[in-house]
Amino acid sequence: MHTTYLIGFQVRPSQRERFLELLNALLDAMRHEKTFVNATLHRDGTNQNRFLLHETWGDHQDVIDVQIHRPYRQVWHDALPALLEAPRDISVWHPMRSDHQTIE
């Protein structure tokens, strides 16, 4: 079963560019992982320093045991305290229904 992680970030204004640089590198690396499904980065419509990452993986246990320990994640995790105004807000979700537009 797929697992989706919603991760909220409140970024220090002076660190916005560095945050995006590191996050883009992380997303570029993780999309090649076998259990990766998709990720979407959102920016708050009223606050350019508030972001939400919607990240879906095929195997929750693999994320816990393998993915979060990948070497390419170390720079990202080490930088977060300096980049963020507050700790990340992380929640874990399991799908119940998925709807998509059909094109006729």
C-alpha atoms as a PDB file:
ATOM      1  CA  MET A   1       0.000   0.000   0.000  1.00  0.00           C
ATOM      2  CA  HIS A   2       1.251   3.464  -0.846  1.00  0.00           C
ATOM      3  CA  THR A   3       2.007   5.907   1.943  1.00  0.00           C
ATOM      4  CA  THR A   4       1.862   9.673   1.545  1.00  0.00           C
ATOM      5  CA  TYR A   5       3.808  12.084   3.711  1.00  0.00           C
ATOM      6  CA  LEU A   6       2.675  15.689   4.051  1.00  0.00           C
ATOM      7  CA  ILE A   7       5.570  17.794   5.231  1.00  0.00           C
ATOM      8  CA  GLY A   8       5.075  21.449   6.086  1.00  0.00           C
ATOM      9  CA  PHE A   9       7.967  23.898   6.190  1.00  0.00           C
ATOM     10  CA  GLN A  10       8.158  27.465   7.506  1.00  0.00           C
ATOM     11  CA  VAL A  11      11.382  28.741   5.971  1.00  0.00           C
ATOM     12  CA  ARG A  12      13.448  31.635   7.257  1.00  0.00           C
ATOM     13  CA  PRO A  13      13.094  34.394   4.621  1.00  0.00           C
ATOM     14  CA  SER A  14      16.868  34.774   4.334  1.00  0.00           C
ATOM     15  CA  GLN A  15      17.207  31.013   3.679  1.00  0.00           C
ATOM     16  CA  ARG A  16      14.483  30.584   1.043  1.00  0.00           C
ATOM     17  CA  GLU A  17      16.845  30.176  -1.931  1.00  0.00           C
ATOM     18  CA  ARG A  18      19.122  27.744  -0.074  1.00  0.00           C
ATOM     19  CA  PHE A  19      16.092  25.755   1.097  1.00  0.00           C
ATOM     20  CA  LEU A  20      14.807  25.421  -2.483  1.00  0.00           C
ATOM     21  CA  GLU A  21      18.264  24.578  -3.816  1.00  0.00           C
ATOM     22  CA  LEU A  22      18.719  21.739  -1.323  1.00  0.00           C
ATOM     23  CA  LEU A  23      15.154  20.481  -1.647  1.00  0.00           C
ATOM     24  CA  ASN A  24      15.333  20.421  -5.451  1.00  0.00           C
ATOM     25  CA  ALA A  25      18.545  18.385  -5.269  1.00  0.00           C
ATOM     26  CA  LEU A  26      16.880  15.981  -2.823  1.00  0.00           C
ATOM     27  CA  LEU A  27      13.809  15.572  -5.042  1.00  0.00           C
ATOM     28  CA  ASP A  28      15.987  15.028  -8.110  1.00  0.00           C
ATOM     29  CA  ALA A  29      17.861  12.239  -6.309  1.00  0.00           C
ATOM     30  CA  MET A  30      14.951  10.460  -4.659  1.00  0.00           C
ATOM     31  CA  ARG A  31      12.797  10.199  -7.781  1.00  0.00           C
ATOM     32  CA  HIS A  32      15.176   7.471  -8.984  1.00  0.00           C
ATOM     33  CA  GLU A  33      14.483   5.247  -5.959  1.00  0.00           C
ATOM     34  CA  LYS A  34      12.618   2.003  -6.639  1.00  0.00           C
ATOM     35  CA  THR A  35       9.783   2.617  -4.152  1.00  0.00           C
ATOM     36  CA  PHE A  36       9.304   6.322  -4.992  1.00  0.00           C
ATOM     37  CA  VAL A  37       5.882   7.101  -6.502  1.00  0.00           C
ATOM     38  CA  ASN A  38       5.655  10.908  -6.746  1.00  0.00           C
ATOM     39  CA  ALA A  39       6.213  14.225  -5.012  1.00  0.00           C
ATOM     40  CA  THR A  40       4.614  17.624  -5.384  1.00  0.00           C
ATOM     41  CA  LEU A  41       5.945  20.794  -3.791  1.00  0.00           C
ATOM     42  CA  HIS A  42       3.393  23.485  -2.970  1.00  0.00           C
ATOM     43  CA  ARG A  43       3.935  27.109  -1.937  1.00  0.00           C
ATOM     44  CA  ASP A  44       1.412  28.913   0.259  1.00  0.00           C
ATOM     45  CA  GLY A  45      -0.605  31.425  -1.737  1.00  0.00           C
ATOM     46  CA  THR A  46      -0.135  34.171   0.833  1.00  0.00           C
ATOM     47  CA  ASN A  47       3.282  33.366   2.326  1.00  0.00           C
ATOM     48  CA  GLN A  48       6.198  32.748  -0.035  1.00  0.00           C
ATOM     49  CA  ASN A  49       8.231  31.162   2.766  1.00  0.00           C
ATOM     50  CA  ARG A  50       5.695  28.481   3.679  1.00  0.00           C
ATOM     51  CA  PHE A  51       5.825  25.201   1.745  1.00  0.00           C
ATOM     52  CA  LEU A  52       4.069  21.847   1.731  1.00  0.00           C
ATOM     53  CA  LEU A  53       5.685  18.740   0.266  1.00  0.00           C
ATOM     54  CA  HIS A  54       3.309  15.950  -0.771  1.00  0.00           C
ATOM     55  CA  GLU A  55       5.495  12.846  -1.102  1.00  0.00           C
ATOM     56  CA  THR A  56       4.224   9.329  -1.921  1.00  0.00           C
ATOM     57  CA  TRP A  57       6.163   6.088  -1.617  1.00  0.00           C
ATOM     58  CA  GLY A  58       5.246   2.490  -2.351  1.00  0.00           C
ATOM     59  CA  ASP A  59       6.576   1.042   0.899  1.00  0.00           C
ATOM     60  CA  HIS A  60       6.444   2.815   4.267  1.00  0.00           C
ATOM     61  CA  GLN A  61       8.876   0.388   5.903  1.00  0.00           C
ATOM     62  CA  ASP A  62      11.410   1.021   3.123  1.00  0.00           C
ATOM     63  CA  VAL A  63      11.151   4.755   3.796  1.00  0.00           C
ATOM     64  CA  ILE A  64      11.872   4.215   7.488  1.00  0.00           C
ATOM     65  CA  ASP A  65      14.573   1.569   7.101  1.00  0.00           C
ATOM     66  CA  VAL A  66      16.322   2.692   3.912  1.00  0.00           C
ATOM     67  CA  GLN A  67      15.231   5.946   2.277  1.00  0.00           C
ATOM     68  CA  ILE A  68      15.669   8.396   5.144  1.00  0.00           C
ATOM     69  CA  HIS A  69      19.195   7.043   5.651  1.00  0.00           C
ATOM     70  CA  ARG A  70      20.363   7.587   2.061  1.00  0.00           C
ATOM     71  CA  PRO A  71      23.649   9.543   1.951  1.00  0.00           C
ATOM     72  CA  TYR A  72      22.176  12.221  -0.342  1.00  0.00           C
ATOM     73  CA  ARG A  73      19.679  13.112   2.414  1.00  0.00           C
ATOM     74  CA  GLN A  74      22.387  13.918   4.984  1.00  0.00           C
ATOM     75  CA  VAL A  75      23.139  17.439   3.689  1.00  0.00           C
ATOM     76  CA  TRP A  76      19.405  18.182   3.658  1.00  0.00           C
ATOM     77  CA  HIS A  77      18.788  16.952   7.195  1.00  0.00           C
ATOM     78  CA  ASP A  78      21.885  18.706   8.551  1.00  0.00           C
ATOM     79  CA  ALA A  79      20.820  22.041   7.005  1.00  0.00           C
ATOM     80  CA  LEU A  80      17.202  22.079   8.190  1.00  0.00           C
ATOM     81  CA  PRO A  81      17.751  23.708  11.615  1.00  0.00           C
ATOM     82  CA  ALA A  82      19.377  26.726   9.957  1.00  0.00           C
ATOM     83  CA  LEU A  83      16.795  26.895   7.154  1.00  0.00           C
ATOM     84  CA  LEU A  84      13.567  26.635   9.121  1.00  0.00           C
ATOM     85  CA  GLU A  85      11.855  28.920  11.609  1.00  0.00           C
ATOM     86  CA  ALA A  86      10.207  25.908  13.290  1.00  0.00           C
ATOM     87  CA  PRO A  87      10.494  22.127  13.071  1.00  0.00           C
ATOM     88  CA  ARG A  88       8.864  20.436  10.093  1.00  0.00           C
ATOM     89  CA  ASP A  89       5.248  19.391  10.447  1.00  0.00           C
ATOM     90  CA  ILE A  90       5.123  15.773   9.225  1.00  0.00           C
ATOM     91  CA  SER A  91       2.006  13.637   8.907  1.00  0.00           C
ATOM     92  CA  VAL A  92       1.577  10.184   7.389  1.00  0.00           C
ATOM     93  CA  TRP A  93      -1.449   9.293   5.262  1.00  0.00           C
ATOM     94  CA  HIS A  94      -2.807   6.153   3.600  1.00  0.00           C
ATOM     95  CA  PRO A  95      -5.041   6.453   0.509  1.00  0.00           C
ATOM     96  CA  MET A  96      -8.692   5.513   0.619  1.00  0.00           C
ATOM     97  CA  ARG A  97      -9.807   6.880  -2.748  1.00  0.00           C
ATOM     98  CA  SER A  98      -8.220   8.551  -5.754  1.00  0.00           C
ATOM     99  CA  ASP A  99     -10.046  10.477  -8.467  1.00  0.00           C
ATOM    100  CA  HIS A 100      -8.625  11.820 -11.698  1.00  0.00           C
ATOM    101  CA  GLN A 101     -10.092  13.812 -14.528  1.00  0.00           C
ATOM    102  CA  THR A 102     -10.975  11.668 -17.516  1.00  0.00           C
ATOM    103  CA  ILE A 103     -10.305  13.092 -20.951  1.00  0.00           C
ATOM    104  CA  GLU A 104     -12.809  12.134 -23.605  1.00  0.00           C
END
